[in-house]
PDB file of N, CA and C in Angstrom:
ATOM      1  N   UNK A   1     -20.191  -3.107  -9.822  1.00  0.00           N
ATOM      2  CA  UNK A   1     -18.370  -3.320  -9.090  1.00  0.00           C
ATOM      3  C   UNK A   1     -18.490  -3.606  -7.817  1.00  0.00           C
ATOM      4  N   UNK A   2     -18.039  -4.474  -6.761  1.00  0.00           N
ATOM      5  CA  UNK A   2     -18.417  -4.763  -5.549  1.00  0.00           C
ATOM      6  C   UNK A   2     -17.595  -3.863  -4.741  1.00  0.00           C
ATOM      7  N   UNK A   3     -18.030  -4.130  -3.527  1.00  0.00           N
ATOM      8  CA  UNK A   3     -17.469  -3.459  -2.181  1.00  0.00           C
ATOM      9  C   UNK A   3     -15.900  -3.305  -2.212  1.00  0.00           C
ATOM     10  N   UNK A   4     -15.291  -2.910  -2.038  1.00  0.00           N
ATOM     11  CA  UNK A   4     -14.275  -2.477  -1.496  1.00  0.00           C
ATOM     12  C   UNK A   4     -13.830  -3.229  -0.026  1.00  0.00           C
ATOM     13  N   UNK A   5     -12.658  -4.359  -0.447  1.00  0.00           N
ATOM     14  CA  UNK A   5     -12.081  -4.543   1.185  1.00  0.00           C
ATOM     15  C   UNK A   5     -10.655  -5.061   1.104  1.00  0.00           C
ATOM     16  N   UNK A   6     -10.465  -5.739   2.153  1.00  0.00           N
ATOM     17  CA  UNK A   6      -9.249  -6.289   2.727  1.00  0.00           C
ATOM     18  C   UNK A   6      -9.801  -7.238   3.968  1.00  0.00           C
ATOM     19  N   UNK A   7      -9.049  -8.132   3.326  1.00  0.00           N
ATOM     20  CA  UNK A   7      -9.237  -9.586   4.425  1.00  0.00           C
ATOM     21  C   UNK A   7      -7.921 -10.379   4.207  1.00  0.00           C
ATOM     22  N   UNK A   8      -7.900 -11.136   5.495  1.00  0.00           N
ATOM     23  CA  UNK A   8      -6.571 -12.565   5.209  1.00  0.00           C
ATOM     24  C   UNK A   8      -7.180 -13.503   4.610  1.00  0.00           C
ATOM     25  N   UNK A   9      -7.087 -13.208   3.360  1.00  0.00           N
ATOM     26  CA  UNK A   9      -7.578 -14.930   2.815  1.00  0.00           C
ATOM     27  C   UNK A   9      -6.693 -16.423   3.288  1.00  0.00           C
ATOM     28  N   UNK A  10      -5.946 -16.489   3.795  1.00  0.00           N
ATOM     29  CA  UNK A  10      -4.996 -17.139   4.577  1.00  0.00           C
ATOM     30  C   UNK A  10      -4.261 -16.725   5.473  1.00  0.00           C
ATOM     31  N   UNK A  11      -3.591 -17.595   5.928  1.00  0.00           N
ATOM     32  CA  UNK A  11      -2.541 -16.512   6.766  1.00  0.00           C
ATOM     33  C   UNK A  11      -1.116 -16.305   5.924  1.00  0.00           C
ATOM     34  N   UNK A  12      -0.871 -15.001   6.220  1.00  0.00           N
ATOM     35  CA  UNK A  12       0.318 -14.375   5.362  1.00  0.00           C
ATOM     36  C   UNK A  12      -0.388 -14.052   3.849  1.00  0.00           C
ATOM     37  N   UNK A  13      -1.454 -13.970   3.955  1.00  0.00           N
ATOM     38  CA  UNK A  13      -1.846 -13.727   2.392  1.00  0.00           C
ATOM     39  C   UNK A  13      -3.140 -12.241   2.776  1.00  0.00           C
ATOM     40  N   UNK A  14      -2.554 -11.414   2.600  1.00  0.00           N
ATOM     41  CA  UNK A  14      -3.805 -10.468   2.534  1.00  0.00           C
ATOM     42  C   UNK A  14      -4.443 -10.087   1.025  1.00  0.00           C
ATOM     43  N   UNK A  15      -5.925 -10.066   0.988  1.00  0.00           N
ATOM     44  CA  UNK A  15      -6.356  -9.650  -0.192  1.00  0.00           C
ATOM     45  C   UNK A  15      -7.048  -8.323  -0.208  1.00  0.00           C
ATOM     46  N   UNK A  16      -7.186  -7.737  -1.243  1.00  0.00           N
ATOM     47  CA  UNK A  16      -7.396  -6.593  -1.289  1.00  0.00           C
ATOM     48  C   UNK A  16      -8.648  -6.845  -2.594  1.00  0.00           C
ATOM     49  N   UNK A  17      -9.762  -6.483  -2.519  1.00  0.00           N
ATOM     50  CA  UNK A  17     -10.880  -6.661  -3.252  1.00  0.00           C
ATOM     51  C   UNK A  17     -11.184  -5.172  -3.516  1.00  0.00           C
ATOM     52  N   UNK A  18     -12.442  -5.083  -4.648  1.00  0.00           N
ATOM     53  CA  UNK A  18     -13.366  -3.685  -5.149  1.00  0.00           C
ATOM     54  C   UNK A  18     -12.428  -2.840  -5.703  1.00  0.00           C
ATOM     55  N   UNK A  19     -13.035  -1.506  -5.076  1.00  0.00           N
ATOM     56  CA  UNK A  19     -12.739  -0.528  -6.328  1.00  0.00           C
ATOM     57  C   UNK A  19     -11.774   0.307  -5.043  1.00  0.00           C
ATOM     58  N   UNK A  20     -10.317   0.467  -5.159  1.00  0.00           N
ATOM     59  CA  UNK A  20      -9.551   1.452  -4.480  1.00  0.00           C
ATOM     60  C   UNK A  20      -9.651   2.708  -5.084  1.00  0.00           C
ATOM     61  N   UNK A  21     -10.310   3.505  -4.165  1.00  0.00           N
ATOM     62  CA  UNK A  21     -10.155   4.762  -4.361  1.00  0.00           C
ATOM     63  C   UNK A  21     -10.490   5.802  -3.329  1.00  0.00           C
ATOM     64  N   UNK A  22     -10.646   7.251  -3.242  1.00  0.00           N
ATOM     65  CA  UNK A  22     -10.381   8.178  -2.214  1.00  0.00           C
ATOM     66  C   UNK A  22     -11.512   7.771  -1.104  1.00  0.00           C
ATOM     67  N   UNK A  23     -12.701   7.343  -1.911  1.00  0.00           N
ATOM     68  CA  UNK A  23     -14.019   6.636  -0.831  1.00  0.00           C
ATOM     69  C   UNK A  23     -13.600   5.908   0.023  1.00  0.00           C
ATOM     70  N   UNK A  24     -12.513   4.362  -0.350  1.00  0.00           N
ATOM     71  CA  UNK A  24     -12.506   3.361   0.046  1.00  0.00           C
ATOM     72  C   UNK A  24     -11.008   3.416   0.576  1.00  0.00           C
ATOM     73  N   UNK A  25     -10.344   4.374   0.646  1.00  0.00           N
ATOM     74  CA  UNK A  25      -8.680   4.103   0.970  1.00  0.00           C
ATOM     75  C   UNK A  25      -8.489   4.307   2.313  1.00  0.00           C
ATOM     76  N   UNK A  26      -9.381   5.284   3.013  1.00  0.00           N
ATOM     77  CA  UNK A  26      -9.187   5.480   4.273  1.00  0.00           C
ATOM     78  C   UNK A  26      -9.201   4.535   5.494  1.00  0.00           C
ATOM     79  N   UNK A  27     -10.665   3.662   5.183  1.00  0.00           N
ATOM     80  CA  UNK A  27     -11.105   2.501   6.053  1.00  0.00           C
ATOM     81  C   UNK A  27     -10.423   1.254   5.750  1.00  0.00           C
ATOM     82  N   UNK A  28     -10.299   1.058   4.413  1.00  0.00           N
ATOM     83  CA  UNK A  28      -8.710   0.282   3.991  1.00  0.00           C
ATOM     84  C   UNK A  28      -7.385   0.280   4.368  1.00  0.00           C
ATOM     85  N   UNK A  29      -7.236   1.518   4.816  1.00  0.00           N
ATOM     86  CA  UNK A  29      -5.915   1.581   5.579  1.00  0.00           C
ATOM     87  C   UNK A  29      -6.035   0.958   6.954  1.00  0.00           C
ATOM     88  N   UNK A  30      -6.811   1.302   7.555  1.00  0.00           N
ATOM     89  CA  UNK A  30      -7.096   1.418   9.436  1.00  0.00           C
ATOM     90  C   UNK A  30      -7.055  -0.218   9.069  1.00  0.00           C
ATOM     91  N   UNK A  31      -8.194  -0.876   8.472  1.00  0.00           N
ATOM     92  CA  UNK A  31      -8.517  -2.617   7.965  1.00  0.00           C
ATOM     93  C   UNK A  31      -6.877  -3.036   8.082  1.00  0.00           C
ATOM     94  N   UNK A  32      -5.912  -2.635   6.967  1.00  0.00           N
ATOM     95  CA  UNK A  32      -4.901  -3.344   6.447  1.00  0.00           C
ATOM     96  C   UNK A  32      -3.895  -3.435   7.542  1.00  0.00           C
ATOM     97  N   UNK A  33      -3.690  -2.294   7.971  1.00  0.00           N
ATOM     98  CA  UNK A  33      -2.734  -1.784   9.288  1.00  0.00           C
ATOM     99  C   UNK A  33      -3.306  -3.044  10.161  1.00  0.00           C
ATOM    100  N   UNK A  34      -4.912  -3.487  10.979  1.00  0.00           N
ATOM    101  CA  UNK A  34      -4.571  -4.013  11.966  1.00  0.00           C
ATOM    102  C   UNK A  34      -4.480  -5.442  11.592  1.00  0.00           C
ATOM    103  N   UNK A  35      -4.378  -6.038  10.244  1.00  0.00           N
ATOM    104  CA  UNK A  35      -4.381  -7.064   9.962  1.00  0.00           C
ATOM    105  C   UNK A  35      -3.070  -7.479  10.172  1.00  0.00           C
ATOM    106  N   UNK A  36      -2.178  -6.714   9.397  1.00  0.00           N
ATOM    107  CA  UNK A  36      -0.861  -6.866   9.262  1.00  0.00           C
ATOM    108  C   UNK A  36       0.106  -7.171  10.853  1.00  0.00           C
ATOM    109  N   UNK A  37      -0.991  -6.142  11.582  1.00  0.00           N
ATOM    110  CA  UNK A  37      -0.002  -5.601  13.036  1.00  0.00           C
ATOM    111  C   UNK A  37      -0.420  -7.182  13.559  1.00  0.00           C
ATOM    112  N   UNK A  38      -1.765  -8.280  13.441  1.00  0.00           N
ATOM    113  CA  UNK A  38      -2.163  -9.418  13.781  1.00  0.00           C
ATOM    114  C   UNK A  38      -1.749 -10.426  13.716  1.00  0.00           C
ATOM    115  N   UNK A  39      -1.210 -10.254  12.626  1.00  0.00           N
ATOM    116  CA  UNK A  39      -0.311 -11.477  11.682  1.00  0.00           C
ATOM    117  C   UNK A  39       0.978 -12.117  11.927  1.00  0.00           C
ATOM    118  N   UNK A  40       1.373 -13.085  12.018  1.00  0.00           N
ATOM    119  CA  UNK A  40       2.489 -13.627  13.325  1.00  0.00           C
ATOM    120  C   UNK A  40       3.147 -14.732  11.843  1.00  0.00           C
ATOM    121  N   UNK A  41       2.692 -14.413  10.832  1.00  0.00           N
ATOM    122  CA  UNK A  41       3.504 -14.573   9.431  1.00  0.00           C
ATOM    123  C   UNK A  41       4.460 -14.246   9.419  1.00  0.00           C
ATOM    124  N   UNK A  42       5.844 -14.843   8.826  1.00  0.00           N
ATOM    125  CA  UNK A  42       7.133 -13.784   8.936  1.00  0.00           C
ATOM    126  C   UNK A  42       7.221 -13.064   7.258  1.00  0.00           C
ATOM    127  N   UNK A  43       6.248 -13.574   6.445  1.00  0.00           N
ATOM    128  CA  UNK A  43       5.891 -13.653   4.542  1.00  0.00           C
ATOM    129  C   UNK A  43       4.657 -12.770   4.761  1.00  0.00           C
ATOM    130  N   UNK A  44       4.531 -11.646   4.212  1.00  0.00           N
ATOM    131  CA  UNK A  44       3.304 -10.820   4.018  1.00  0.00           C
ATOM    132  C   UNK A  44       2.767 -11.367   2.234  1.00  0.00           C
ATOM    133  N   UNK A  45       2.022 -12.166   1.622  1.00  0.00           N
ATOM    134  CA  UNK A  45       1.980 -11.344   0.674  1.00  0.00           C
ATOM    135  C   UNK A  45       0.253 -10.256   0.243  1.00  0.00           C
ATOM    136  N   UNK A  46       0.405  -9.216  -0.724  1.00  0.00           N
ATOM    137  CA  UNK A  46      -0.848  -8.595  -0.927  1.00  0.00           C
ATOM    138  C   UNK A  46      -1.050  -8.941  -2.040  1.00  0.00           C
ATOM    139  N   UNK A  47      -2.073  -9.707  -1.940  1.00  0.00           N
ATOM    140  CA  UNK A  47      -3.193  -9.962  -2.851  1.00  0.00           C
ATOM    141  C   UNK A  47      -3.870  -9.101  -3.634  1.00  0.00           C
ATOM    142  N   UNK A  48      -3.639  -8.915  -5.043  1.00  0.00           N
ATOM    143  CA  UNK A  48      -4.764  -7.692  -5.675  1.00  0.00           C
ATOM    144  C   UNK A  48      -5.514  -8.577  -6.616  1.00  0.00           C
ATOM    145  N   UNK A  49      -5.320  -9.726  -6.573  1.00  0.00           N
ATOM    146  CA  UNK A  49      -6.169 -10.139  -8.012  1.00  0.00           C
ATOM    147  C   UNK A  49      -7.485 -10.300  -7.898  1.00  0.00           C
ATOM    148  N   UNK A  50      -8.327  -9.530  -6.799  1.00  0.00           N
ATOM    149  CA  UNK A  50      -9.887  -9.242  -6.856  1.00  0.00           C
ATOM    150  C   UNK A  50      -9.582  -7.816  -6.882  1.00  0.00           C
ATOM    151  N   UNK A  51      -8.826  -6.911  -7.478  1.00  0.00           N
ATOM    152  CA  UNK A  51      -9.557  -5.475  -7.021  1.00  0.00           C
ATOM    153  C   UNK A  51      -9.726  -5.434  -8.566  1.00  0.00           C
ATOM    154  N   UNK A  52     -10.725  -4.410  -8.585  1.00  0.00           N
ATOM    155  CA  UNK A  52     -11.915  -4.198  -9.777  1.00  0.00           C
ATOM    156  C   UNK A  52     -11.029  -2.782 -10.844  1.00  0.00           C
ATOM    157  N   UNK A  53     -10.644  -2.182  -9.741  1.00  0.00           N
ATOM    158  CA  UNK A  53     -10.501  -0.602 -10.089  1.00  0.00           C
ATOM    159  C   UNK A  53      -9.427  -0.185  -9.240  1.00  0.00           C
ATOM    160  N   UNK A  54      -8.937   0.764  -9.712  1.00  0.00           N
ATOM    161  CA  UNK A  54      -7.870   1.589  -8.440  1.00  0.00           C
ATOM    162  C   UNK A  54      -7.433   2.745  -9.344  1.00  0.00           C
ATOM    163  N   UNK A  55      -7.301   3.711  -8.591  1.00  0.00           N
ATOM    164  CA  UNK A  55      -6.555   4.592  -8.595  1.00  0.00           C
ATOM    165  C   UNK A  55      -5.285   4.774  -7.850  1.00  0.00           C
ATOM    166  N   UNK A  56      -4.831   6.309  -7.838  1.00  0.00           N
ATOM    167  CA  UNK A  56      -3.115   6.256  -7.279  1.00  0.00           C
ATOM    168  C   UNK A  56      -3.404   5.809  -5.538  1.00  0.00           C
ATOM    169  N   UNK A  57      -4.629   6.082  -5.143  1.00  0.00           N
ATOM    170  CA  UNK A  57      -4.685   5.406  -3.705  1.00  0.00           C
ATOM    171  C   UNK A  57      -4.390   4.183  -3.332  1.00  0.00           C
ATOM    172  N   UNK A  58      -4.793   3.049  -4.844  1.00  0.00           N
ATOM    173  CA  UNK A  58      -4.787   1.558  -4.081  1.00  0.00           C
ATOM    174  C   UNK A  58      -3.120   1.213  -4.254  1.00  0.00           C
ATOM    175  N   UNK A  59      -2.173   2.232  -4.766  1.00  0.00           N
ATOM    176  CA  UNK A  59      -0.933   2.076  -4.714  1.00  0.00           C
ATOM    177  C   UNK A  59      -0.268   2.657  -3.504  1.00  0.00           C
ATOM    178  N   UNK A  60      -0.973   3.967  -3.068  1.00  0.00           N
ATOM    179  CA  UNK A  60      -0.759   4.651  -1.748  1.00  0.00           C
ATOM    180  C   UNK A  60      -0.907   3.553  -0.448  1.00  0.00           C
ATOM    181  N   UNK A  61      -1.834   2.673  -0.793  1.00  0.00           N
ATOM    182  CA  UNK A  61      -2.591   1.401   0.457  1.00  0.00           C
ATOM    183  C   UNK A  61      -1.264   0.165   0.350  1.00  0.00           C
ATOM    184  N   UNK A  62      -0.922  -0.110  -0.799  1.00  0.00           N
ATOM    185  CA  UNK A  62       0.241  -0.725  -1.426  1.00  0.00           C
ATOM    186  C   UNK A  62       1.722  -0.517  -0.460  1.00  0.00           C
ATOM    187  N   UNK A  63       2.198   0.752  -0.753  1.00  0.00           N
ATOM    188  CA  UNK A  63       3.481   1.175   0.121  1.00  0.00           C
ATOM    189  C   UNK A  63       3.328   1.563   1.059  1.00  0.00           C
ATOM    190  N   UNK A  64       1.914   1.614   1.887  1.00  0.00           N
ATOM    191  CA  UNK A  64       1.694   1.667   3.257  1.00  0.00           C
ATOM    192  C   UNK A  64       1.852   0.685   4.107  1.00  0.00           C
ATOM    193  N   UNK A  65       1.073  -0.011   3.283  1.00  0.00           N
ATOM    194  CA  UNK A  65       1.152  -2.047   3.886  1.00  0.00           C
ATOM    195  C   UNK A  65       2.542  -2.737   3.813  1.00  0.00           C
ATOM    196  N   UNK A  66       3.090  -2.542   2.544  1.00  0.00           N
ATOM    197  CA  UNK A  66       4.567  -2.563   3.057  1.00  0.00           C
ATOM    198  C   UNK A  66       5.221  -2.247   3.804  1.00  0.00           C
ATOM    199  N   UNK A  67       5.082  -0.977   4.222  1.00  0.00           N
ATOM    200  CA  UNK A  67       5.981  -0.023   5.474  1.00  0.00           C
ATOM    201  C   UNK A  67       5.541  -0.963   6.590  1.00  0.00           C
ATOM    202  N   UNK A  68       4.343  -0.997   6.662  1.00  0.00           N
ATOM    203  CA  UNK A  68       3.792  -1.373   8.138  1.00  0.00           C
ATOM    204  C   UNK A  68       3.958  -3.002   8.204  1.00  0.00           C
ATOM    205  N   UNK A  69       3.837  -3.527   7.385  1.00  0.00           N
ATOM    206  CA  UNK A  69       5.112  -5.131   7.267  1.00  0.00           C
ATOM    207  C   UNK A  69       6.130  -5.088   7.675  1.00  0.00           C
ATOM    208  N   UNK A  70       7.329  -4.290   6.889  1.00  0.00           N
ATOM    209  CA  UNK A  70       8.364  -3.791   7.022  1.00  0.00           C
ATOM    210  C   UNK A  70       8.845  -3.522   8.887  1.00  0.00           C
ATOM    211  N   UNK A  71       7.822  -2.675   9.540  1.00  0.00           N
ATOM    212  CA  UNK A  71       7.708  -2.391  10.568  1.00  0.00           C
ATOM    213  C   UNK A  71       7.807  -3.475  11.626  1.00  0.00           C
ATOM    214  N   UNK A  72       7.164  -4.823  11.157  1.00  0.00           N
ATOM    215  CA  UNK A  72       6.823  -5.521  12.346  1.00  0.00           C
ATOM    216  C   UNK A  72       7.544  -6.984  11.960  1.00  0.00           C
ATOM    217  N   UNK A  73       8.828  -6.305  11.003  1.00  0.00           N
ATOM    218  CA  UNK A  73       9.465  -7.376  10.547  1.00  0.00           C
ATOM    219  C   UNK A  73       9.439  -8.612   9.603  1.00  0.00           C
ATOM    220  N   UNK A  74       8.327  -8.357   8.867  1.00  0.00           N
ATOM    221  CA  UNK A  74       7.407  -9.068   7.854  1.00  0.00           C
ATOM    222  C   UNK A  74       8.098  -8.565   6.159  1.00  0.00           C
ATOM    223  N   UNK A  75       8.820  -9.758   5.443  1.00  0.00           N
ATOM    224  CA  UNK A  75       8.789  -9.748   4.189  1.00  0.00           C
ATOM    225  C   UNK A  75       7.734  -9.801   3.379  1.00  0.00           C
ATOM    226  N   UNK A  76       7.409  -8.313   2.437  1.00  0.00           N
ATOM    227  CA  UNK A  76       6.105  -8.602   2.024  1.00  0.00           C
ATOM    228  C   UNK A  76       6.311  -8.192   0.033  1.00  0.00           C
ATOM    229  N   UNK A  77       5.088  -9.087  -0.363  1.00  0.00           N
ATOM    230  CA  UNK A  77       5.170  -9.293  -2.060  1.00  0.00           C
ATOM    231  C   UNK A  77       3.962  -8.784  -2.821  1.00  0.00           C
ATOM    232  N   UNK A  78       3.969  -7.966  -3.496  1.00  0.00           N
ATOM    233  CA  UNK A  78       2.667  -7.759  -4.331  1.00  0.00           C
ATOM    234  C   UNK A  78       2.171  -9.078  -5.537  1.00  0.00           C
ATOM    235  N   UNK A  79       0.844  -9.573  -5.197  1.00  0.00           N
ATOM    236  CA  UNK A  79       0.917 -10.287  -6.109  1.00  0.00           C
ATOM    237  C   UNK A  79      -0.493 -10.189  -7.051  1.00  0.00           C
ATOM    238  N   UNK A  80      -0.291 -10.235  -7.991  1.00  0.00           N
ATOM    239  CA  UNK A  80      -1.867  -9.888  -9.111  1.00  0.00           C
ATOM    240  C   UNK A  80      -2.397  -8.425  -9.134  1.00  0.00           C
ATOM    241  N   UNK A  81      -1.498  -7.605  -9.380  1.00  0.00           N
ATOM    242  CA  UNK A  81      -1.387  -6.488  -9.905  1.00  0.00           C
ATOM    243  C   UNK A  81      -2.528  -6.332 -10.761  1.00  0.00           C
ATOM    244  N   UNK A  82      -3.822  -5.581 -10.672  1.00  0.00           N
ATOM    245  CA  UNK A  82      -4.474  -5.234 -12.095  1.00  0.00           C
ATOM    246  C   UNK A  82      -3.812  -3.938 -12.941  1.00  0.00           C
ATOM    247  N   UNK A  83      -3.625  -4.337 -14.162  1.00  0.00           N
ATOM    248  CA  UNK A  83      -3.113  -3.443 -15.204  1.00  0.00           C
ATOM    249  C   UNK A  83      -3.355  -1.902 -15.338  1.00  0.00           C
ATOM    250  N   UNK A  84      -4.257  -1.772 -14.689  1.00  0.00           N
ATOM    251  CA  UNK A  84      -4.605  -0.018 -14.363  1.00  0.00           C
ATOM    252  C   UNK A  84      -3.723   0.581 -13.007  1.00  0.00           C
ATOM    253  N   UNK A  85      -3.472  -0.655 -12.147  1.00  0.00           N
ATOM    254  CA  UNK A  85      -2.758  -0.412 -10.896  1.00  0.00           C
ATOM    255  C   UNK A  85      -0.817  -0.656 -11.470  1.00  0.00           C
ATOM    256  N   UNK A  86      -0.691  -1.276 -12.214  1.00  0.00           N
ATOM    257  CA  UNK A  86       0.278  -1.795 -12.651  1.00  0.00           C
ATOM    258  C   UNK A  86       1.109  -0.053 -13.697  1.00  0.00           C
ATOM    259  N   UNK A  87      -0.222   0.281 -14.378  1.00  0.00           N
ATOM    260  CA  UNK A  87       0.442   1.815 -15.350  1.00  0.00           C
ATOM    261  C   UNK A  87       0.716   2.872 -14.662  1.00  0.00           C
ATOM    262  N   UNK A  88      -0.309   2.923 -13.711  1.00  0.00           N
ATOM    263  CA  UNK A  88       0.022   4.179 -12.834  1.00  0.00           C
ATOM    264  C   UNK A  88       1.567   4.021 -11.872  1.00  0.00           C
ATOM    265  N   UNK A  89       1.750   2.472 -11.191  1.00  0.00           N
ATOM    266  CA  UNK A  89       3.303   2.319 -10.883  1.00  0.00           C
ATOM    267  C   UNK A  89       4.184   2.961 -11.650  1.00  0.00           C
ATOM    268  N   UNK A  90       4.013   2.331 -13.077  1.00  0.00           N
ATOM    269  CA  UNK A  90       5.284   2.719 -14.375  1.00  0.00           C
ATOM    270  C   UNK A  90       5.393   4.148 -13.895  1.00  0.00           C
ATOM    271  N   UNK A  91       4.089   4.803 -14.256  1.00  0.00           N
ATOM    272  CA  UNK A  91       4.672   6.331 -14.259  1.00  0.00           C
ATOM    273  C   UNK A  91       5.073   7.102 -12.903  1.00  0.00           C
ATOM    274  N   UNK A  92       4.684   6.572 -12.051  1.00  0.00           N
ATOM    275  CA  UNK A  92       5.528   7.157 -10.578  1.00  0.00           C
ATOM    276  C   UNK A  92       6.914   6.296 -10.118  1.00  0.00           C
ATOM    277  N   UNK A  93       7.146   5.381 -11.392  1.00  0.00           N
ATOM    278  CA  UNK A  93       8.537   4.749 -11.012  1.00  0.00           C
ATOM    279  C   UNK A  93       8.770   3.929 -10.227  1.00  0.00           C
ATOM    280  N   UNK A  94       7.450   3.221  -9.841  1.00  0.00           N
ATOM    281  CA  UNK A  94       6.937   2.105  -8.591  1.00  0.00           C
ATOM    282  C   UNK A  94       6.985   0.866  -9.149  1.00  0.00           C
ATOM    283  N   UNK A  95       7.350   0.651  -9.862  1.00  0.00           N
ATOM    284  CA  UNK A  95       7.071  -0.808 -10.941  1.00  0.00           C
ATOM    285  C   UNK A  95       7.957  -1.899  -9.917  1.00  0.00           C
ATOM    286  N   UNK A  96       9.325  -1.054  -9.458  1.00  0.00           N
ATOM    287  CA  UNK A  96      10.273  -2.145  -9.488  1.00  0.00           C
ATOM    288  C   UNK A  96       9.903  -2.738  -7.422  1.00  0.00           C
ATOM    289  N   UNK A  97       9.607  -1.237  -7.049  1.00  0.00           N
ATOM    290  CA  UNK A  97       9.198  -1.640  -5.641  1.00  0.00           C
ATOM    291  C   UNK A  97       8.021  -2.525  -5.309  1.00  0.00           C
ATOM    292  N   UNK A  98       6.991  -2.382  -6.394  1.00  0.00           N
ATOM    293  CA  UNK A  98       6.334  -3.178  -6.383  1.00  0.00           C
ATOM    294  C   UNK A  98       6.114  -4.117  -7.390  1.00  0.00           C
ATOM    295  N   UNK A  99       7.399  -4.841  -7.665  1.00  0.00           N
ATOM    296  CA  UNK A  99       7.259  -6.066  -8.522  1.00  0.00           C
ATOM    297  C   UNK A  99       6.301  -7.127  -7.907  1.00  0.00           C
ATOM    298  N   UNK A 100       5.798  -7.598  -8.854  1.00  0.00           N
ATOM    299  CA  UNK A 100       5.176  -9.236  -8.682  1.00  0.00           C
ATOM    300  C   UNK A 100       5.382  -9.875  -9.549  1.00  0.00           C
TER     301      UNK A 100
END
């Protein structure tokens, strides 16, 4: 498994990668908020296609990033959510909020 990370893959596309869990979540939260605040794009894609494994922490990160984006006037879209994240989202009735 690779190290967790969050980066702007291209303008307006923030990519989450690796394992999203309680160990990696706090640092990713801070990094992601900084990236969102610095982005000048009006639309933000949260790309999860490089996520290898996620606990509910991954969903918490997505929700926080969506809130951060909305607070700065950016429309947000989630793309490439892996099956484990999608299954957790369904349990919490978040699948429509995080629709991809």
